[in-house]
N, C-alpha and C. Protein backbone atom coordinates (compact mmCIF):
# COMPACT_ATOMS: atom_id res chain seq x y z
N MET A 1 62.79 -194.15 -88.36
CA MET A 1 63.97 -194.80 -88.70
C MET A 1 64.08 -195.02 -89.90
N SER A 2 63.04 -195.42 -90.17
CA SER A 2 63.84 -195.51 -91.95
C SER A 2 63.83 -194.22 -93.05
N VAL A 3 63.48 -193.12 -92.67
CA VAL A 3 63.63 -192.09 -93.56
C VAL A 3 64.94 -191.67 -93.28
N GLN A 4 65.55 -191.91 -92.10
CA GLN A 4 67.14 -191.91 -92.30
C GLN A 4 67.95 -192.82 -92.88
N THR A 5 67.62 -194.70 -93.00
CA THR A 5 68.45 -195.16 -93.86
C THR A 5 68.35 -194.84 -95.27
N GLU A 6 66.72 -193.94 -95.78
CA GLU A 6 66.68 -193.14 -97.10
C GLU A 6 67.93 -192.59 -97.28
N THR A 7 67.64 -192.24 -96.36
CA THR A 7 68.96 -190.03 -96.75
C THR A 7 70.47 -190.52 -96.20
N SER A 8 70.49 -192.08 -96.09
CA SER A 8 72.13 -191.80 -95.70
C SER A 8 71.92 -192.61 -97.25
N GLN A 9 71.27 -194.22 -97.43
CA GLN A 9 71.67 -194.29 -98.66
C GLN A 9 71.33 -193.29 -100.21
N SER A 10 70.63 -193.13 -100.19
CA SER A 10 70.72 -191.82 -101.32
C SER A 10 72.30 -190.58 -101.26
N GLY A 11 72.38 -190.24 -100.22
CA GLY A 11 73.94 -190.13 -100.06
C GLY A 11 74.88 -190.58 -100.40
N VAL A 12 75.08 -192.10 -100.02
CA VAL A 12 76.25 -193.31 -100.50
C VAL A 12 75.60 -192.96 -101.98
N LEU A 13 74.29 -193.05 -102.75
CA LEU A 13 73.93 -193.31 -104.49
C LEU A 13 74.87 -192.34 -104.92
N ASP A 14 74.23 -190.99 -103.91
CA ASP A 14 74.93 -189.53 -104.63
C ASP A 14 75.96 -189.47 -104.59
N ILE A 15 77.06 -189.99 -103.80
CA ILE A 15 78.15 -190.57 -103.78
C ILE A 15 79.06 -190.58 -104.79
N ILE A 16 78.49 -191.77 -104.41
CA ILE A 16 78.84 -192.64 -106.00
C ILE A 16 78.63 -192.34 -107.10
N LYS A 17 78.08 -191.47 -107.37
CA LYS A 17 77.51 -190.60 -108.85
C LYS A 17 78.60 -189.30 -108.94
N LEU A 18 78.55 -188.45 -108.17
CA LEU A 18 79.82 -187.72 -108.39
C LEU A 18 80.42 -188.01 -108.73
N LEU A 19 81.00 -189.56 -107.91
CA LEU A 19 82.40 -189.89 -108.73
C LEU A 19 82.64 -190.59 -109.60
N LEU A 20 81.58 -191.15 -110.29
CA LEU A 20 81.20 -191.71 -111.21
C LEU A 20 81.38 -189.99 -112.24
N ALA A 21 80.56 -189.66 -112.21
CA ALA A 21 80.88 -188.48 -112.92
C ALA A 21 82.26 -187.54 -113.43
N ALA A 22 83.06 -187.35 -111.82
CA ALA A 22 84.37 -187.30 -112.18
C ALA A 22 85.02 -188.08 -112.45
N PHE A 23 84.99 -189.58 -112.59
CA PHE A 23 85.93 -190.58 -113.31
C PHE A 23 86.22 -190.40 -114.80
N ALA A 24 83.99 -190.01 -115.35
CA ALA A 24 84.09 -190.00 -116.79
C ALA A 24 84.80 -188.13 -117.25
N LEU A 25 85.13 -187.79 -116.69
CA LEU A 25 85.56 -186.41 -117.43
C LEU A 25 87.13 -186.40 -117.18
N VAL A 26 87.31 -187.46 -115.51
CA VAL A 26 88.73 -187.15 -116.01
C VAL A 26 89.09 -187.95 -116.77
N GLY A 27 88.39 -189.58 -117.44
CA GLY A 27 88.48 -189.91 -118.16
C GLY A 27 88.96 -189.71 -119.45
N GLY A 28 88.51 -188.59 -119.84
CA GLY A 28 87.86 -188.17 -120.92
C GLY A 28 89.04 -187.75 -120.80
N LEU A 29 89.78 -186.76 -120.55
CA LEU A 29 90.93 -185.89 -119.90
C LEU A 29 91.91 -186.64 -120.54
N TYR A 30 92.13 -188.14 -119.56
CA TYR A 30 92.90 -188.97 -119.75
C TYR A 30 93.50 -189.45 -121.90
N ALA A 31 91.84 -189.74 -121.51
CA ALA A 31 92.27 -189.78 -122.84
C ALA A 31 92.81 -189.21 -123.87
N TYR A 32 92.63 -188.22 -124.17
CA TYR A 32 92.90 -186.99 -124.94
C TYR A 32 94.84 -187.85 -124.77
N TYR A 33 95.33 -187.28 -123.82
CA TYR A 33 96.80 -187.69 -124.03
C TYR A 33 97.16 -188.58 -123.85
N TYR A 34 96.31 -189.48 -123.66
CA TYR A 34 97.66 -190.95 -123.56
C TYR A 34 96.94 -191.84 -125.12
N TYR A 35 95.56 -191.00 -126.09
CA TYR A 35 96.01 -191.29 -127.64
C TYR A 35 96.48 -190.25 -128.33
N GLU A 36 97.76 -189.55 -127.53
CA GLU A 36 98.22 -188.34 -128.48
C GLU A 36 98.70 -188.94 -129.56
N ALA A 37 99.24 -189.43 -129.57
CA ALA A 37 100.66 -189.79 -130.88
C ALA A 37 99.29 -191.21 -131.46
N ASP A 38 98.27 -191.54 -131.41
CA ASP A 38 98.14 -192.41 -132.44
C ASP A 38 96.52 -191.82 -133.20
N LEU A 39 96.01 -191.31 -132.29
CA LEU A 39 94.60 -190.81 -133.38
C LEU A 39 95.00 -189.41 -133.28
N ALA A 40 93.35 -188.98 -134.77
CA ALA A 40 93.66 -187.14 -134.32
C ALA A 40 93.21 -186.59 -133.69
N GLN A 41 93.60 -185.52 -134.00
CA GLN A 41 93.24 -184.54 -132.80
C GLN A 41 91.51 -183.92 -132.61
N ALA A 42 91.15 -184.08 -133.56
CA ALA A 42 89.12 -184.58 -133.50
C ALA A 42 88.60 -185.42 -132.76
N VAL A 43 89.39 -186.65 -132.69
CA VAL A 43 88.87 -187.64 -132.28
C VAL A 43 89.23 -187.09 -130.58
N ARG A 44 90.33 -186.83 -130.37
CA ARG A 44 90.78 -187.04 -129.23
C ARG A 44 90.06 -185.51 -128.18
N VAL A 45 89.65 -184.60 -129.22
CA VAL A 45 88.80 -183.56 -128.40
C VAL A 45 87.65 -184.01 -128.52
N LEU A 46 86.95 -184.37 -129.08
CA LEU A 46 86.00 -185.31 -128.91
C LEU A 46 85.61 -186.06 -127.74
N MET A 47 86.88 -187.43 -127.24
CA MET A 47 87.05 -188.18 -126.10
C MET A 47 86.28 -186.54 -125.33
N VAL A 48 87.14 -185.88 -125.06
CA VAL A 48 87.04 -185.05 -124.44
C VAL A 48 85.63 -184.32 -123.94
N LEU A 49 85.35 -184.27 -124.61
CA LEU A 49 83.90 -183.41 -124.77
C LEU A 49 82.53 -185.03 -124.76
N GLY A 50 83.22 -186.09 -124.92
CA GLY A 50 82.21 -187.07 -124.42
C GLY A 50 81.99 -187.36 -122.54
N GLY A 51 83.26 -187.08 -122.42
CA GLY A 51 84.02 -186.79 -121.05
C GLY A 51 83.08 -186.52 -120.19
N THR A 52 82.97 -185.13 -120.92
CA THR A 52 82.22 -183.49 -119.85
C THR A 52 80.59 -184.21 -120.28
N VAL A 53 80.86 -184.01 -121.30
CA VAL A 53 78.66 -184.67 -121.31
C VAL A 53 77.92 -185.28 -120.56
N ALA A 54 79.22 -186.28 -120.48
CA ALA A 54 78.73 -187.80 -119.53
C ALA A 54 78.76 -187.52 -118.20
N GLY A 55 79.59 -187.14 -117.66
CA GLY A 55 79.91 -186.40 -115.80
C GLY A 55 78.30 -185.92 -115.71
N ILE A 56 78.92 -184.19 -117.01
CA ILE A 56 77.65 -183.70 -116.33
C ILE A 56 76.45 -184.70 -116.04
N GLY A 57 75.80 -185.20 -117.39
CA GLY A 57 74.65 -186.29 -117.09
C GLY A 57 74.59 -186.57 -116.15
N ILE A 58 75.73 -187.45 -115.25
CA ILE A 58 75.83 -188.11 -114.18
C ILE A 58 75.48 -187.41 -113.01
N ALA A 59 76.57 -186.33 -113.29
CA ALA A 59 76.50 -185.33 -112.31
C ALA A 59 74.35 -184.91 -112.06
N MET A 60 74.19 -184.44 -112.91
CA MET A 60 72.84 -184.11 -112.67
C MET A 60 71.70 -185.15 -112.51
N THR A 61 71.88 -186.27 -112.50
CA THR A 61 70.87 -186.74 -111.40
C THR A 61 71.06 -187.55 -109.92
N SER A 62 72.51 -186.36 -109.55
CA SER A 62 72.17 -186.98 -108.38
C SER A 62 70.90 -186.25 -107.75
N ALA A 63 71.47 -185.89 -106.04
CA ALA A 63 70.51 -184.50 -105.04
C ALA A 63 70.99 -183.31 -105.80
N GLN A 64 72.61 -182.94 -105.55
CA GLN A 64 73.11 -181.94 -105.82
C GLN A 64 72.95 -181.29 -107.44
N GLY A 65 73.14 -182.26 -108.16
CA GLY A 65 72.41 -182.40 -109.10
C GLY A 65 71.68 -181.42 -109.90
N ASN A 66 70.27 -182.27 -109.34
CA ASN A 66 69.45 -181.14 -109.23
C ASN A 66 68.91 -180.11 -108.47
N ARG A 67 69.11 -179.77 -107.20
CA ARG A 67 69.41 -178.89 -106.42
C ARG A 67 69.84 -176.96 -107.23
N LEU A 68 71.07 -177.80 -108.30
CA LEU A 68 71.24 -177.33 -109.24
C LEU A 68 70.44 -176.58 -109.83
N TRP A 69 69.82 -177.79 -109.83
CA TRP A 69 68.87 -177.31 -111.86
C TRP A 69 67.66 -176.49 -111.37
N HIS A 70 67.30 -176.81 -110.69
CA HIS A 70 65.94 -175.81 -109.33
C HIS A 70 66.88 -174.17 -109.20
N PHE A 71 67.90 -174.48 -109.00
CA PHE A 71 68.87 -172.68 -109.00
C PHE A 71 68.62 -172.15 -110.07
N ILE A 72 68.96 -173.17 -111.84
CA ILE A 72 69.33 -172.52 -112.52
C ILE A 72 67.56 -172.06 -113.28
N GLN A 73 67.20 -173.06 -112.76
CA GLN A 73 65.34 -172.49 -113.16
C GLN A 73 65.38 -171.40 -112.79
N GLY A 74 65.42 -171.57 -111.23
CA GLY A 74 65.08 -170.13 -110.82
C GLY A 74 65.40 -169.24 -110.61
N SER A 75 67.07 -168.73 -111.57
CA SER A 75 67.50 -167.45 -111.83
C SER A 75 66.73 -167.34 -112.99
N ARG A 76 66.32 -168.26 -114.21
CA ARG A 76 66.16 -167.51 -115.53
C ARG A 76 64.21 -167.19 -114.61
N VAL A 77 63.82 -167.19 -114.28
CA VAL A 77 62.52 -166.45 -113.81
C VAL A 77 62.78 -165.80 -113.12
N GLU A 78 64.56 -165.56 -112.51
CA GLU A 78 64.25 -163.53 -111.84
C GLU A 78 64.90 -162.88 -112.78
N ILE A 79 65.86 -163.36 -113.70
CA ILE A 79 66.33 -162.57 -115.07
C ILE A 79 65.10 -162.06 -115.80
N ARG A 80 64.22 -162.52 -116.03
CA ARG A 80 63.25 -161.89 -116.46
C ARG A 80 62.40 -161.08 -115.80
N LYS A 81 62.50 -160.89 -114.47
CA LYS A 81 61.90 -160.18 -113.51
C LYS A 81 62.65 -158.98 -113.83
N VAL A 82 64.40 -158.49 -114.52
CA VAL A 82 64.98 -157.64 -114.16
C VAL A 82 64.31 -156.18 -115.22
N VAL A 83 64.33 -155.51 -115.17
CA VAL A 83 64.01 -153.93 -115.26
C VAL A 83 65.46 -153.55 -116.70
N TRP A 84 65.88 -153.89 -117.53
CA TRP A 84 67.09 -153.36 -118.52
C TRP A 84 67.19 -152.08 -119.06
N PRO A 85 68.12 -151.34 -118.60
CA PRO A 85 68.19 -150.04 -119.25
C PRO A 85 68.11 -149.75 -120.23
N THR A 86 67.39 -148.62 -120.80
CA THR A 86 66.89 -148.72 -121.87
C THR A 86 68.42 -147.92 -122.82
N LYS A 87 68.34 -147.72 -124.32
CA LYS A 87 70.04 -147.52 -124.87
C LYS A 87 70.65 -145.90 -124.61
N GLN A 88 69.45 -145.23 -123.83
CA GLN A 88 69.95 -143.39 -123.48
C GLN A 88 70.42 -143.86 -122.29
N GLU A 89 69.80 -144.52 -121.42
CA GLU A 89 69.95 -144.84 -119.69
C GLU A 89 72.22 -145.41 -120.06
N THR A 90 72.01 -146.78 -120.85
CA THR A 90 73.08 -146.80 -121.33
C THR A 90 74.44 -146.16 -121.73
N THR A 91 74.23 -145.22 -122.18
CA THR A 91 74.28 -144.29 -123.38
C THR A 91 75.37 -143.35 -122.28
N GLN A 92 74.14 -143.31 -121.20
CA GLN A 92 74.61 -141.64 -119.92
C GLN A 92 75.37 -141.74 -119.00
N THR A 93 75.23 -143.65 -118.85
CA THR A 93 76.12 -143.95 -117.94
C THR A 93 77.34 -143.97 -118.69
N ALA A 94 77.65 -144.18 -119.19
CA ALA A 94 78.77 -145.02 -120.20
C ALA A 94 79.63 -143.52 -120.11
N ILE A 95 79.73 -142.72 -120.38
CA ILE A 95 79.49 -141.42 -120.87
C ILE A 95 80.57 -140.97 -119.41
N ALA A 96 79.51 -141.28 -118.71
CA ALA A 96 79.67 -140.84 -117.04
C ALA A 96 80.76 -141.26 -116.32
N VAL A 97 80.34 -143.02 -116.52
CA VAL A 97 81.87 -143.51 -116.57
C VAL A 97 83.30 -143.28 -117.08
N PHE A 98 83.59 -142.82 -118.28
CA PHE A 98 84.10 -142.46 -118.77
C PHE A 98 84.56 -141.26 -118.54
N ILE A 99 83.81 -140.11 -118.40
CA ILE A 99 84.37 -139.10 -117.72
C ILE A 99 84.64 -139.21 -116.49
N PHE A 100 84.50 -139.85 -115.30
CA PHE A 100 84.73 -139.46 -114.00
C PHE A 100 85.89 -140.33 -114.32
N THR A 101 86.43 -141.59 -114.89
CA THR A 101 87.37 -141.84 -115.30
C THR A 101 89.21 -141.19 -115.86
N LEU A 102 88.61 -139.83 -116.33
CA LEU A 102 89.17 -139.20 -116.98
C LEU A 102 90.16 -138.27 -115.94
N ILE A 103 89.00 -137.71 -114.98
CA ILE A 103 89.21 -136.79 -114.26
C ILE A 103 90.21 -137.69 -112.86
N MET A 104 89.71 -139.23 -112.89
CA MET A 104 90.82 -139.49 -111.73
C MET A 104 91.70 -139.50 -112.50
N MET A 105 91.89 -139.81 -113.35
CA MET A 105 92.99 -140.08 -113.96
C MET A 105 94.32 -138.53 -114.35
N LEU A 106 93.59 -137.42 -114.59
CA LEU A 106 94.09 -136.52 -114.03
C LEU A 106 94.66 -135.83 -112.52
N PHE A 107 93.90 -136.53 -111.44
CA PHE A 107 93.73 -136.73 -110.53
C PHE A 107 94.93 -136.70 -109.84
N PHE A 108 95.21 -138.61 -110.75
CA PHE A 108 96.06 -139.77 -110.29
C PHE A 108 98.05 -138.70 -110.30
N TRP A 109 97.46 -138.89 -112.25
CA TRP A 109 98.77 -138.16 -112.95
C TRP A 109 99.57 -136.92 -111.59
N ALA A 110 98.33 -135.59 -111.47
CA ALA A 110 98.59 -134.74 -111.05
C ALA A 110 99.43 -134.78 -109.54
N LEU A 111 98.53 -135.63 -108.67
CA LEU A 111 99.98 -136.24 -107.48
C LEU A 111 100.59 -137.13 -107.43
N ASP A 112 100.52 -137.72 -108.49
CA ASP A 112 102.22 -139.16 -109.26
C ASP A 112 103.38 -137.41 -108.80
N SER A 113 102.93 -136.58 -110.22
CA SER A 113 103.92 -135.76 -110.66
C SER A 113 103.86 -134.90 -109.27
N GLY A 114 103.66 -134.29 -108.86
CA GLY A 114 103.71 -133.66 -107.97
C GLY A 114 104.11 -134.32 -106.48
N LEU A 115 104.17 -135.68 -106.17
CA LEU A 115 104.99 -136.47 -105.12
C LEU A 115 106.19 -136.57 -106.02
N LEU A 116 106.34 -136.92 -107.16
CA LEU A 116 107.80 -136.88 -107.86
C LEU A 116 108.53 -135.59 -107.62
N ALA A 117 107.74 -135.05 -108.18
CA ALA A 117 108.73 -133.33 -107.87
C ALA A 117 109.63 -133.21 -106.87
N LEU A 118 108.28 -133.46 -105.01
CA LEU A 118 108.90 -133.11 -103.92
C LEU A 118 109.87 -134.37 -103.38
N THR A 119 109.90 -135.49 -104.24
CA THR A 119 111.06 -136.57 -104.09
C THR A 119 112.50 -136.05 -104.51
N GLN A 120 112.02 -135.30 -105.74
CA GLN A 120 113.84 -134.98 -106.54
C GLN A 120 114.23 -133.67 -105.63
N TYR A 121 112.85 -132.86 -104.97
CA TYR A 121 113.58 -131.76 -104.28
C TYR A 121 113.80 -132.26 -103.33
N LEU A 122 113.59 -133.70 -102.03
CA LEU A 122 113.84 -134.21 -101.13
C LEU A 122 115.23 -134.44 -101.28
N VAL A 123 115.26 -135.45 -101.93
CA VAL A 123 116.56 -136.36 -102.37
C VAL A 123 117.74 -135.62 -103.49
N GLY A 124 117.73 -133.86 -104.24
CA GLY A 124 118.44 -133.44 -104.21
C GLY A 124 118.91 -132.90 -105.89
């Protein structure tokens, strides 16, 4: 019984945190336009950046933010496992893609020209 209560309380707390994060982000954007005539551009941009940083910081303290952080860390581990192609493999693949693109370009040009000629012949 107490487990359900803790889960629902943390869920409510997470919702409050996410709402605060959204308000921080929207507040930074609102301040940018609200003080358009009063403050310099750089100060207004700093307001947006501050609201964004505050919003991200607040959101990362929630359960969803914690899951996102663990996902990012797991992704970094997986990226380290990737075997990247060598320069020669990359060059050969790029050349193959370029040649295939040229062949397809010529094919569609010929198809388009043939259909145009057929249409002109049929229309008169």
